[in-house]
Amino acid sequence: MISEIKKIDCKLNESGIFGGRGMGILINMFSLQYIFELYKKPLVCIVLIVVSVIVLILSRKYIKSFWTKNIWSRQFLLIFIAFNVLASSIGSVLGYKWDDILLVNVENVSNVTKLILIIFYIVIFKNTELPNSFFIRLASKNEALLDRRN
């Protein structure tokens, strides 16, 4: 299937941009939980949820463009981080309540693991933020592949 996706030459579309950026936020959500060990700090998570919602409310006129336009701006950076922190915090609060929601239940994350997660976070972030990024192209090509099969 991957070889079929590589062969497809398609134009980037809004759903591909939405899917690519959404995928980046979901992947990075788990990294943030373990970098900052949010799953141990429910009160910090609640504060982060409130701050993220406030940032998103203040940036609301740019949110639609964030999900649909293949560009990048400073406002998009705030929106990306706010969505990422919001998802991480909600996941951590739920993980604090129900351990089954966390991918891995750990007592302490080592500094080496945190460094690897930070590098992973940056790589995923760069593959999400840039116009024509890997995730956006992959999501657009995947949709084109589904359209061809129907």
N, C-alpha and C. Protein backbone atom coordinates (compact mmCIF):
# COMPACT_ATOMS: atom_id res chain seq x y z
N MET A 1 0.82 -1.19 0.00
CA MET A 1 0.00 0.00 0.00
C MET A 1 0.86 1.25 0.00
N ILE A 2 1.98 1.24 0.72
CA ILE A 2 2.86 2.40 0.76
C ILE A 2 3.42 2.68 -0.63
N SER A 3 3.75 1.64 -1.39
CA SER A 3 4.26 1.87 -2.73
C SER A 3 3.19 2.50 -3.62
N GLU A 4 1.93 2.13 -3.41
CA GLU A 4 0.84 2.75 -4.17
C GLU A 4 0.71 4.22 -3.81
N ILE A 5 0.85 4.56 -2.53
CA ILE A 5 0.74 5.94 -2.09
C ILE A 5 1.89 6.77 -2.67
N LYS A 6 3.09 6.21 -2.72
CA LYS A 6 4.24 6.94 -3.28
C LYS A 6 4.04 7.28 -4.75
N LYS A 7 3.36 6.42 -5.48
CA LYS A 7 3.16 6.63 -6.92
C LYS A 7 2.14 7.72 -7.22
N ILE A 8 1.28 8.02 -6.28
CA ILE A 8 0.20 8.98 -6.53
C ILE A 8 0.75 10.39 -6.55
N ASP A 9 0.40 11.12 -7.60
CA ASP A 9 0.74 12.53 -7.69
C ASP A 9 -0.56 13.29 -7.55
N CYS A 10 -0.72 13.99 -6.44
CA CYS A 10 -1.98 14.69 -6.21
C CYS A 10 -1.72 16.06 -5.63
N LYS A 11 -2.74 16.87 -5.70
CA LYS A 11 -2.70 18.21 -5.15
C LYS A 11 -3.06 18.12 -3.68
N LEU A 12 -2.39 18.91 -2.86
CA LEU A 12 -2.73 18.92 -1.44
C LEU A 12 -4.12 19.51 -1.27
N ASN A 13 -4.89 18.92 -0.37
CA ASN A 13 -6.26 19.39 -0.17
C ASN A 13 -6.50 19.70 1.31
N GLU A 14 -7.65 20.29 1.58
CA GLU A 14 -7.96 20.71 2.94
C GLU A 14 -8.03 19.53 3.91
N SER A 15 -8.60 18.43 3.47
CA SER A 15 -8.68 17.30 4.39
C SER A 15 -7.30 16.69 4.63
N GLY A 16 -6.40 16.78 3.65
CA GLY A 16 -5.03 16.33 3.86
C GLY A 16 -4.29 17.21 4.85
N ILE A 17 -4.52 18.51 4.77
CA ILE A 17 -3.91 19.45 5.72
C ILE A 17 -4.46 19.19 7.12
N PHE A 18 -5.77 19.01 7.20
CA PHE A 18 -6.41 18.71 8.48
C PHE A 18 -5.85 17.40 9.06
N GLY A 19 -5.80 16.38 8.23
CA GLY A 19 -5.30 15.08 8.68
C GLY A 19 -3.84 15.12 9.08
N GLY A 20 -3.02 15.81 8.31
CA GLY A 20 -1.59 15.90 8.62
C GLY A 20 -1.32 16.63 9.92
N ARG A 21 -1.96 17.75 10.10
CA ARG A 21 -1.75 18.52 11.34
C ARG A 21 -2.36 17.80 12.53
N GLY A 22 -3.52 17.18 12.32
CA GLY A 22 -4.13 16.41 13.41
C GLY A 22 -3.27 15.23 13.83
N MET A 23 -2.66 14.56 12.84
CA MET A 23 -1.79 13.44 13.14
C MET A 23 -0.57 13.90 13.95
N GLY A 24 -0.01 15.04 13.57
CA GLY A 24 1.13 15.58 14.31
C GLY A 24 0.78 15.92 15.74
N ILE A 25 -0.39 16.50 15.95
CA ILE A 25 -0.82 16.84 17.31
C ILE A 25 -1.05 15.58 18.13
N LEU A 26 -1.68 14.57 17.55
CA LEU A 26 -1.93 13.33 18.29
C LEU A 26 -0.64 12.60 18.66
N ILE A 27 0.29 12.56 17.73
CA ILE A 27 1.56 11.88 18.02
C ILE A 27 2.32 12.62 19.10
N ASN A 28 2.40 13.94 18.97
CA ASN A 28 3.14 14.73 19.95
C ASN A 28 2.46 14.80 21.31
N MET A 29 1.16 14.56 21.32
CA MET A 29 0.42 14.56 22.58
C MET A 29 1.04 13.58 23.57
N PHE A 30 1.37 12.40 23.09
CA PHE A 30 1.95 11.38 23.98
C PHE A 30 3.36 11.75 24.41
N SER A 31 4.11 12.39 23.52
CA SER A 31 5.47 12.80 23.89
C SER A 31 5.44 13.81 25.03
N LEU A 32 4.57 14.80 24.95
CA LEU A 32 4.49 15.82 26.00
C LEU A 32 4.13 15.22 27.35
N GLN A 33 3.23 14.23 27.33
CA GLN A 33 2.84 13.61 28.60
C GLN A 33 4.04 13.04 29.34
N TYR A 34 4.96 12.44 28.60
CA TYR A 34 6.10 11.79 29.23
C TYR A 34 7.29 12.72 29.41
N ILE A 35 7.42 13.73 28.57
CA ILE A 35 8.51 14.70 28.76
C ILE A 35 8.30 15.45 30.08
N PHE A 36 7.09 15.92 30.31
CA PHE A 36 6.80 16.70 31.52
C PHE A 36 6.16 15.87 32.62
N GLU A 37 6.00 14.57 32.40
CA GLU A 37 5.38 13.66 33.36
C GLU A 37 4.05 14.23 33.86
N LEU A 38 3.24 14.68 32.92
CA LEU A 38 1.95 15.29 33.24
C LEU A 38 0.98 14.33 33.90
N TYR A 39 1.12 13.05 33.61
CA TYR A 39 0.19 12.05 34.14
C TYR A 39 0.28 11.94 35.66
N LYS A 40 1.30 12.55 36.27
CA LYS A 40 1.43 12.54 37.73
C LYS A 40 0.88 13.82 38.36
N LYS A 41 0.55 14.82 37.53
CA LYS A 41 0.22 16.15 38.05
C LYS A 41 -1.14 16.63 37.54
N PRO A 42 -2.23 16.11 38.10
CA PRO A 42 -3.55 16.48 37.58
C PRO A 42 -3.89 17.97 37.76
N LEU A 43 -3.44 18.59 38.83
CA LEU A 43 -3.75 20.02 39.02
C LEU A 43 -3.03 20.88 38.00
N VAL A 44 -1.79 20.53 37.68
CA VAL A 44 -1.05 21.25 36.63
C VAL A 44 -1.77 21.07 35.29
N CYS A 45 -2.26 19.88 35.05
CA CYS A 45 -2.98 19.61 33.80
C CYS A 45 -4.24 20.46 33.70
N ILE A 46 -4.95 20.62 34.78
CA ILE A 46 -6.17 21.44 34.76
C ILE A 46 -5.82 22.89 34.44
N VAL A 47 -4.75 23.40 35.03
CA VAL A 47 -4.30 24.77 34.72
C VAL A 47 -3.91 24.86 33.24
N LEU A 48 -3.19 23.86 32.73
CA LEU A 48 -2.79 23.87 31.32
C LEU A 48 -4.00 23.80 30.39
N ILE A 49 -5.02 23.06 30.77
CA ILE A 49 -6.25 22.98 29.97
C ILE A 49 -6.89 24.36 29.88
N VAL A 50 -7.00 25.04 31.02
CA VAL A 50 -7.61 26.37 31.05
C VAL A 50 -6.81 27.35 30.20
N VAL A 51 -5.49 27.35 30.36
CA VAL A 51 -4.62 28.26 29.58
C VAL A 51 -4.73 27.95 28.09
N SER A 52 -4.74 26.68 27.72
CA SER A 52 -4.85 26.30 26.31
C SER A 52 -6.16 26.76 25.71
N VAL A 53 -7.24 26.59 26.46
CA VAL A 53 -8.55 27.02 25.97
C VAL A 53 -8.57 28.54 25.79
N ILE A 54 -7.98 29.28 26.73
CA ILE A 54 -7.92 30.74 26.60
C ILE A 54 -7.13 31.13 25.36
N VAL A 55 -5.98 30.50 25.13
CA VAL A 55 -5.18 30.80 23.93
C VAL A 55 -5.98 30.49 22.67
N LEU A 56 -6.68 29.38 22.65
CA LEU A 56 -7.49 29.02 21.48
C LEU A 56 -8.65 29.99 21.27
N ILE A 57 -9.26 30.46 22.35
CA ILE A 57 -10.33 31.44 22.22
C ILE A 57 -9.78 32.75 21.66
N LEU A 58 -8.62 33.17 22.14
CA LEU A 58 -8.02 34.41 21.65
C LEU A 58 -7.55 34.29 20.19
N SER A 59 -7.23 33.08 19.77
CA SER A 59 -6.75 32.84 18.39
C SER A 59 -7.83 32.28 17.49
N ARG A 60 -9.08 32.38 17.88
CA ARG A 60 -10.15 31.70 17.16
C ARG A 60 -10.29 32.09 15.70
N LYS A 61 -9.91 33.31 15.33
CA LYS A 61 -10.07 33.70 13.93
C LYS A 61 -9.04 33.02 13.02
N TYR A 62 -8.00 32.42 13.60
CA TYR A 62 -6.98 31.73 12.80
C TYR A 62 -7.15 30.21 12.81
N ILE A 63 -8.04 29.70 13.64
CA ILE A 63 -8.15 28.24 13.80
C ILE A 63 -8.58 27.56 12.51
N LYS A 64 -9.57 28.10 11.82
CA LYS A 64 -10.01 27.46 10.57
C LYS A 64 -8.87 27.43 9.56
N SER A 65 -8.13 28.52 9.45
CA SER A 65 -7.00 28.55 8.51
C SER A 65 -5.92 27.55 8.91
N PHE A 66 -5.72 27.36 10.20
CA PHE A 66 -4.72 26.39 10.68
C PHE A 66 -5.03 25.00 10.14
N TRP A 67 -6.31 24.64 10.13
CA TRP A 67 -6.71 23.29 9.71
C TRP A 67 -6.89 23.15 8.20
N THR A 68 -6.96 24.28 7.46
CA THR A 68 -7.29 24.17 6.04
C THR A 68 -6.29 24.79 5.09
N LYS A 69 -5.41 25.66 5.55
CA LYS A 69 -4.48 26.35 4.64
C LYS A 69 -3.08 25.76 4.76
N ASN A 70 -2.44 25.58 3.62
CA ASN A 70 -1.10 25.01 3.57
C ASN A 70 -0.04 26.11 3.68
N ILE A 71 -0.14 26.86 4.77
CA ILE A 71 0.81 27.93 5.07
C ILE A 71 1.21 27.79 6.53
N TRP A 72 2.14 28.62 6.98
CA TRP A 72 2.50 28.62 8.38
C TRP A 72 2.73 30.04 8.83
N SER A 73 2.27 30.38 10.03
CA SER A 73 2.46 31.70 10.59
C SER A 73 2.67 31.59 12.09
N ARG A 74 3.01 32.72 12.71
CA ARG A 74 3.23 32.71 14.15
C ARG A 74 1.96 32.33 14.91
N GLN A 75 0.82 32.78 14.40
CA GLN A 75 -0.45 32.43 15.05
C GLN A 75 -0.67 30.92 15.02
N PHE A 76 -0.26 30.28 13.93
CA PHE A 76 -0.41 28.84 13.83
C PHE A 76 0.45 28.12 14.86
N LEU A 77 1.61 28.68 15.16
CA LEU A 77 2.48 28.08 16.17
C LEU A 77 1.76 28.06 17.52
N LEU A 78 1.15 29.18 17.90
CA LEU A 78 0.39 29.23 19.15
C LEU A 78 -0.76 28.22 19.15
N ILE A 79 -1.46 28.15 18.04
CA ILE A 79 -2.59 27.23 17.94
C ILE A 79 -2.10 25.79 18.04
N PHE A 80 -1.01 25.47 17.34
CA PHE A 80 -0.47 24.11 17.39
C PHE A 80 -0.08 23.73 18.81
N ILE A 81 0.64 24.61 19.48
CA ILE A 81 1.08 24.31 20.85
C ILE A 81 -0.13 24.22 21.78
N ALA A 82 -1.11 25.11 21.61
CA ALA A 82 -2.29 25.07 22.48
C ALA A 82 -3.07 23.77 22.30
N PHE A 83 -3.28 23.36 21.04
CA PHE A 83 -3.97 22.08 20.82
C PHE A 83 -3.16 20.92 21.38
N ASN A 84 -1.85 20.98 21.22
CA ASN A 84 -0.99 19.91 21.70
C ASN A 84 -1.03 19.81 23.23
N VAL A 85 -0.90 20.95 23.90
CA VAL A 85 -0.95 20.97 25.36
C VAL A 85 -2.33 20.56 25.85
N LEU A 86 -3.38 21.03 25.16
CA LEU A 86 -4.74 20.66 25.54
C LEU A 86 -4.95 19.15 25.46
N ALA A 87 -4.55 18.56 24.34
CA ALA A 87 -4.70 17.11 24.17
C ALA A 87 -3.87 16.35 25.19
N SER A 88 -2.63 16.78 25.43
CA SER A 88 -1.77 16.11 26.41
C SER A 88 -2.34 16.20 27.81
N SER A 89 -2.85 17.38 28.16
CA SER A 89 -3.38 17.57 29.50
C SER A 89 -4.66 16.77 29.72
N ILE A 90 -5.53 16.78 28.74
CA ILE A 90 -6.77 15.99 28.87
C ILE A 90 -6.43 14.51 28.97
N GLY A 91 -5.52 14.05 28.12
CA GLY A 91 -5.10 12.65 28.18
C GLY A 91 -4.46 12.30 29.51
N SER A 92 -3.68 13.22 30.06
CA SER A 92 -3.02 12.97 31.35
C SER A 92 -4.01 12.94 32.50
N VAL A 93 -4.99 13.86 32.48
CA VAL A 93 -6.02 13.85 33.53
C VAL A 93 -6.81 12.55 33.48
N LEU A 94 -7.19 12.14 32.27
CA LEU A 94 -7.91 10.87 32.14
C LEU A 94 -7.02 9.70 32.54
N GLY A 95 -5.72 9.77 32.18
CA GLY A 95 -4.79 8.72 32.56
C GLY A 95 -4.55 8.67 34.06
N TYR A 96 -4.62 9.82 34.73
CA TYR A 96 -4.48 9.85 36.18
C TYR A 96 -5.66 9.14 36.83
N LYS A 97 -6.83 9.36 36.25
CA LYS A 97 -8.05 8.73 36.79
C LYS A 97 -8.12 7.25 36.43
N TRP A 98 -7.85 6.95 35.16
CA TRP A 98 -7.90 5.57 34.67
C TRP A 98 -6.56 5.23 34.05
N ASP A 99 -5.78 4.40 34.72
CA ASP A 99 -4.43 4.05 34.26
C ASP A 99 -4.41 3.40 32.88
N ASP A 100 -5.50 2.79 32.48
CA ASP A 100 -5.54 2.09 31.20
C ASP A 100 -5.40 3.03 30.01
N ILE A 101 -5.69 4.32 30.20
CA ILE A 101 -5.64 5.26 29.10
C ILE A 101 -4.20 5.61 28.72
N LEU A 102 -3.29 5.60 29.71
CA LEU A 102 -1.89 5.89 29.42
C LEU A 102 -1.30 4.76 28.59
N LEU A 103 -0.44 5.11 27.65
CA LEU A 103 0.22 4.08 26.85
C LEU A 103 1.09 3.20 27.72
N VAL A 104 1.88 3.83 28.57
CA VAL A 104 2.79 3.11 29.45
C VAL A 104 2.70 3.76 30.82
N ASN A 105 2.55 2.97 31.84
CA ASN A 105 2.51 3.51 33.19
C ASN A 105 3.91 3.39 33.78
N VAL A 106 4.55 4.53 33.97
CA VAL A 106 5.92 4.53 34.49
C VAL A 106 6.00 5.41 35.71
N GLU A 107 6.90 5.07 36.61
CA GLU A 107 7.10 5.88 37.81
C GLU A 107 7.94 7.12 37.50
N ASN A 108 9.08 6.94 36.87
CA ASN A 108 9.96 8.04 36.52
C ASN A 108 10.49 7.82 35.11
N VAL A 109 10.53 8.89 34.34
CA VAL A 109 11.09 8.83 32.99
C VAL A 109 12.52 9.32 33.10
N SER A 110 13.46 8.53 32.60
CA SER A 110 14.87 8.92 32.70
C SER A 110 15.16 10.12 31.81
N ASN A 111 16.25 10.81 32.12
CA ASN A 111 16.64 11.99 31.35
C ASN A 111 16.98 11.63 29.91
N VAL A 112 17.56 10.46 29.69
CA VAL A 112 17.89 10.02 28.33
C VAL A 112 16.60 9.81 27.53
N THR A 113 15.61 9.21 28.17
CA THR A 113 14.32 9.00 27.50
C THR A 113 13.67 10.34 27.19
N LYS A 114 13.75 11.27 28.12
CA LYS A 114 13.19 12.60 27.88
C LYS A 114 13.89 13.29 26.71
N LEU A 115 15.20 13.16 26.63
CA LEU A 115 15.94 13.76 25.53
C LEU A 115 15.51 13.15 24.19
N ILE A 116 15.36 11.84 24.17
CA ILE A 116 14.89 11.17 22.94
C ILE A 116 13.49 11.64 22.58
N LEU A 117 12.61 11.79 23.58
CA LEU A 117 11.25 12.27 23.33
C LEU A 117 11.24 13.72 22.84
N ILE A 118 12.14 14.55 23.35
CA ILE A 118 12.23 15.94 22.88
C ILE A 118 12.66 15.97 21.42
N ILE A 119 13.64 15.16 21.06
CA ILE A 119 14.08 15.09 19.66
C ILE A 119 12.93 14.58 18.79
N PHE A 120 12.25 13.55 19.26
CA PHE A 120 11.09 13.00 18.54
C PHE A 120 10.02 14.08 18.37
N TYR A 121 9.75 14.84 19.43
CA TYR A 121 8.76 15.91 19.38
C TYR A 121 9.12 16.94 18.31
N ILE A 122 10.37 17.35 18.27
CA ILE A 122 10.83 18.35 17.29
C ILE A 122 10.69 17.81 15.87
N VAL A 123 11.07 16.56 15.65
CA VAL A 123 10.97 15.97 14.31
C VAL A 123 9.51 15.91 13.87
N ILE A 124 8.63 15.46 14.74
CA ILE A 124 7.20 15.39 14.40
C ILE A 124 6.65 16.79 14.19
N PHE A 125 7.04 17.74 15.04
CA PHE A 125 6.58 19.11 14.90
C PHE A 125 6.99 19.68 13.54
N LYS A 126 8.22 19.48 13.15
CA LYS A 126 8.71 19.99 11.86
C LYS A 126 7.98 19.32 10.70
N ASN A 127 7.59 18.06 10.85
CA ASN A 127 6.86 17.36 9.80
C ASN A 127 5.37 17.67 9.83
N THR A 128 4.96 18.50 10.76
CA THR A 128 3.57 18.92 10.84
C THR A 128 3.42 20.37 10.42
N GLU A 129 4.33 21.20 10.86
CA GLU A 129 4.16 22.64 10.69
C GLU A 129 4.41 23.14 9.27
N LEU A 130 5.42 22.63 8.62
CA LEU A 130 5.83 23.19 7.34
C LEU A 130 4.78 22.98 6.25
N PRO A 131 4.62 23.96 5.39
CA PRO A 131 3.76 23.72 4.22
C PRO A 131 4.34 22.56 3.40
N ASN A 132 3.48 21.77 2.84
CA ASN A 132 3.87 20.59 2.05
C ASN A 132 4.67 19.58 2.87
N SER A 133 4.42 19.52 4.17
CA SER A 133 5.17 18.60 5.02
C SER A 133 4.80 17.15 4.72
N PHE A 134 5.58 16.25 5.27
CA PHE A 134 5.40 14.82 5.05
C PHE A 134 4.00 14.37 5.43
N PHE A 135 3.53 14.74 6.62
CA PHE A 135 2.22 14.30 7.09
C PHE A 135 1.09 14.84 6.21
N ILE A 136 1.20 16.09 5.79
CA ILE A 136 0.16 16.68 4.94
C ILE A 136 0.13 15.98 3.58
N ARG A 137 1.30 15.74 3.01
CA ARG A 137 1.35 15.03 1.72
C ARG A 137 0.81 13.61 1.86
N LEU A 138 1.20 12.93 2.93
CA LEU A 138 0.74 11.56 3.16
C LEU A 138 -0.78 11.50 3.30
N ALA A 139 -1.35 12.41 4.08
CA ALA A 139 -2.80 12.42 4.27
C ALA A 139 -3.53 12.74 2.96
N SER A 140 -2.99 13.67 2.18
CA SER A 140 -3.62 14.02 0.89
C SER A 140 -3.54 12.85 -0.08
N LYS A 141 -2.38 12.19 -0.13
CA LYS A 141 -2.22 11.05 -1.04
C LYS A 141 -3.09 9.88 -0.61
N ASN A 142 -3.23 9.69 0.69
CA ASN A 142 -4.08 8.62 1.19
C ASN A 142 -5.53 8.85 0.78
N GLU A 143 -5.99 10.09 0.86
CA GLU A 143 -7.36 10.39 0.43
C GLU A 143 -7.51 10.18 -1.08
N ALA A 144 -6.50 10.58 -1.86
CA ALA A 144 -6.55 10.37 -3.31
C ALA A 144 -6.59 8.89 -3.63
N LEU A 145 -5.87 8.09 -2.87
CA LEU A 145 -5.88 6.64 -3.06
C LEU A 145 -7.27 6.08 -2.77
N LEU A 146 -7.89 6.54 -1.72
CA LEU A 146 -9.26 6.08 -1.40
C LEU A 146 -10.24 6.50 -2.47
N ASP A 147 -10.08 7.73 -3.02
CA ASP A 147 -10.96 8.18 -4.09
C ASP A 147 -10.83 7.32 -5.34
N ARG A 148 -9.60 6.89 -5.63
CA ARG A 148 -9.36 6.04 -6.82
C ARG A 148 -10.04 4.68 -6.68
N ARG A 149 -10.04 4.18 -5.45
CA ARG A 149 -10.62 2.84 -5.22
C ARG A 149 -12.14 2.89 -5.27
N ASN A 150 -12.73 4.03 -4.99
CA ASN A 150 -14.21 4.13 -5.01
C ASN A 150 -14.66 4.45 -6.35
